[in-house]
């Protein structure tokens, strides 16, 4: 891992699970913070040129308020 990756993994693993999105039965988005504070900024973590995890930031880009996981089934 590169410098800083351990801190990032620790921060993401400590995020609370506050519930699944209910937009459709197979949606892979879940809330980790205040949904009303959600902004339009996203961070994506890639694997072989394709985004695998999307982290939604709050409007101040100071906290992760949601996460969407792609390319595998969570149910």
C-alpha atoms as a PDB file:
ATOM      1  CA  UNK A   1       0.000   0.000   0.000  1.00  0.00           C
ATOM      2  CA  UNK A   2       1.108   3.536  -0.696  1.00  0.00           C
ATOM      3  CA  UNK A   3       1.610   6.087   2.033  1.00  0.00           C
ATOM      4  CA  UNK A   4      -1.777   7.164   3.369  1.00  0.00           C
ATOM      5  CA  UNK A   5      -3.708   4.131   2.147  1.00  0.00           C
ATOM      6  CA  UNK A   6      -3.792   2.548   5.608  1.00  0.00           C
ATOM      7  CA  UNK A   7      -5.313   5.714   7.090  1.00  0.00           C
ATOM      8  CA  UNK A   8      -7.868   5.811   4.289  1.00  0.00           C
ATOM      9  CA  UNK A   9      -8.834   2.157   4.816  1.00  0.00           C
ATOM     10  CA  UNK A  10      -9.158   2.752   8.563  1.00  0.00           C
ATOM     11  CA  UNK A  11     -11.389   5.798   7.990  1.00  0.00           C
ATOM     12  CA  UNK A  12     -13.673   4.001   5.526  1.00  0.00           C
ATOM     13  CA  UNK A  13     -13.935   0.875   7.677  1.00  0.00           C
ATOM     14  CA  UNK A  14     -15.075   3.013  10.632  1.00  0.00           C
ATOM     15  CA  UNK A  15     -17.992   4.566   8.699  1.00  0.00           C
ATOM     16  CA  UNK A  16     -21.381   3.774  10.220  1.00  0.00           C
ATOM     17  CA  UNK A  17     -23.982   1.839   8.269  1.00  0.00           C
ATOM     18  CA  UNK A  18     -27.182   3.919   8.434  1.00  0.00           C
ATOM     19  CA  UNK A  19     -29.300   2.030   5.923  1.00  0.00           C
ATOM     20  CA  UNK A  20     -29.668   0.977   2.304  1.00  0.00           C
ATOM     21  CA  UNK A  21     -31.009   3.195  -0.431  1.00  0.00           C
ATOM     22  CA  UNK A  22     -34.588   2.237  -1.284  1.00  0.00           C
ATOM     23  CA  UNK A  23     -34.691   3.560  -4.857  1.00  0.00           C
ATOM     24  CA  UNK A  24     -34.837   0.011  -6.254  1.00  0.00           C
ATOM     25  CA  UNK A  25     -34.391  -3.490  -4.792  1.00  0.00           C
ATOM     26  CA  UNK A  26     -30.899  -4.044  -6.205  1.00  0.00           C
ATOM     27  CA  UNK A  27     -29.407  -0.613  -5.440  1.00  0.00           C
ATOM     28  CA  UNK A  28     -25.894  -0.923  -3.938  1.00  0.00           C
ATOM     29  CA  UNK A  29     -25.839   2.515  -2.259  1.00  0.00           C
ATOM     30  CA  UNK A  30     -25.908   2.838   1.500  1.00  0.00           C
ATOM     31  CA  UNK A  31     -25.929   5.825   3.792  1.00  0.00           C
ATOM     32  CA  UNK A  32     -22.991   6.495   6.133  1.00  0.00           C
ATOM     33  CA  UNK A  33     -23.851  10.047   7.180  1.00  0.00           C
ATOM     34  CA  UNK A  34     -26.492  12.762   7.102  1.00  0.00           C
ATOM     35  CA  UNK A  35     -28.397  12.361   3.810  1.00  0.00           C
ATOM     36  CA  UNK A  36     -29.541  15.988   3.942  1.00  0.00           C
ATOM     37  CA  UNK A  37     -25.888  17.098   3.931  1.00  0.00           C
ATOM     38  CA  UNK A  38     -25.036  15.077   0.796  1.00  0.00           C
ATOM     39  CA  UNK A  39     -23.339  17.045  -1.939  1.00  0.00           C
ATOM     40  CA  UNK A  40     -22.543  16.378  -5.563  1.00  0.00           C
ATOM     41  CA  UNK A  41     -18.872  15.427  -5.051  1.00  0.00           C
ATOM     42  CA  UNK A  42     -17.927  11.770  -5.354  1.00  0.00           C
ATOM     43  CA  UNK A  43     -14.639   9.897  -4.993  1.00  0.00           C
ATOM     44  CA  UNK A  44     -14.261   6.687  -6.944  1.00  0.00           C
ATOM     45  CA  UNK A  45     -11.894   3.838  -6.217  1.00  0.00           C
ATOM     46  CA  UNK A  46     -10.911   1.994  -9.363  1.00  0.00           C
ATOM     47  CA  UNK A  47      -9.809  -1.503 -10.168  1.00  0.00           C
ATOM     48  CA  UNK A  48      -8.546  -2.225 -13.693  1.00  0.00           C
ATOM     49  CA  UNK A  49      -9.991   0.952 -15.264  1.00  0.00           C
ATOM     50  CA  UNK A  50     -13.496   0.566 -13.803  1.00  0.00           C
ATOM     51  CA  UNK A  51     -14.909   2.266 -10.699  1.00  0.00           C
ATOM     52  CA  UNK A  52     -15.667  -0.304  -8.006  1.00  0.00           C
ATOM     53  CA  UNK A  53     -16.568   1.912  -5.056  1.00  0.00           C
ATOM     54  CA  UNK A  54     -18.047   5.414  -5.087  1.00  0.00           C
ATOM     55  CA  UNK A  55     -17.892   7.547  -1.947  1.00  0.00           C
ATOM     56  CA  UNK A  56     -20.353  10.439  -1.748  1.00  0.00           C
ATOM     57  CA  UNK A  57     -19.130  13.496   0.140  1.00  0.00           C
ATOM     58  CA  UNK A  58     -21.094  16.099   2.040  1.00  0.00           C
ATOM     59  CA  UNK A  59     -21.468  19.623   0.640  1.00  0.00           C
ATOM     60  CA  UNK A  60     -18.298  20.764   2.454  1.00  0.00           C
ATOM     61  CA  UNK A  61     -16.303  17.770   1.120  1.00  0.00           C
ATOM     62  CA  UNK A  62     -15.385  17.048   4.741  1.00  0.00           C
ATOM     63  CA  UNK A  63     -17.254  13.791   5.392  1.00  0.00           C
ATOM     64  CA  UNK A  64     -18.387  10.679   3.550  1.00  0.00           C
ATOM     65  CA  UNK A  65     -22.182  10.461   3.671  1.00  0.00           C
ATOM     66  CA  UNK A  66     -22.747   7.492   1.389  1.00  0.00           C
ATOM     67  CA  UNK A  67     -21.104   4.654  -0.460  1.00  0.00           C
ATOM     68  CA  UNK A  68     -22.025   2.748  -3.607  1.00  0.00           C
ATOM     69  CA  UNK A  69     -20.353  -0.573  -4.338  1.00  0.00           C
ATOM     70  CA  UNK A  70     -20.264  -1.999  -7.871  1.00  0.00           C
ATOM     71  CA  UNK A  71     -19.425  -5.230  -9.607  1.00  0.00           C
ATOM     72  CA  UNK A  72     -20.572  -7.739  -7.026  1.00  0.00           C
ATOM     73  CA  UNK A  73     -23.892  -8.681  -5.506  1.00  0.00           C
ATOM     74  CA  UNK A  74     -24.495  -7.609  -1.928  1.00  0.00           C
ATOM     75  CA  UNK A  75     -27.785  -9.401  -1.301  1.00  0.00           C
END
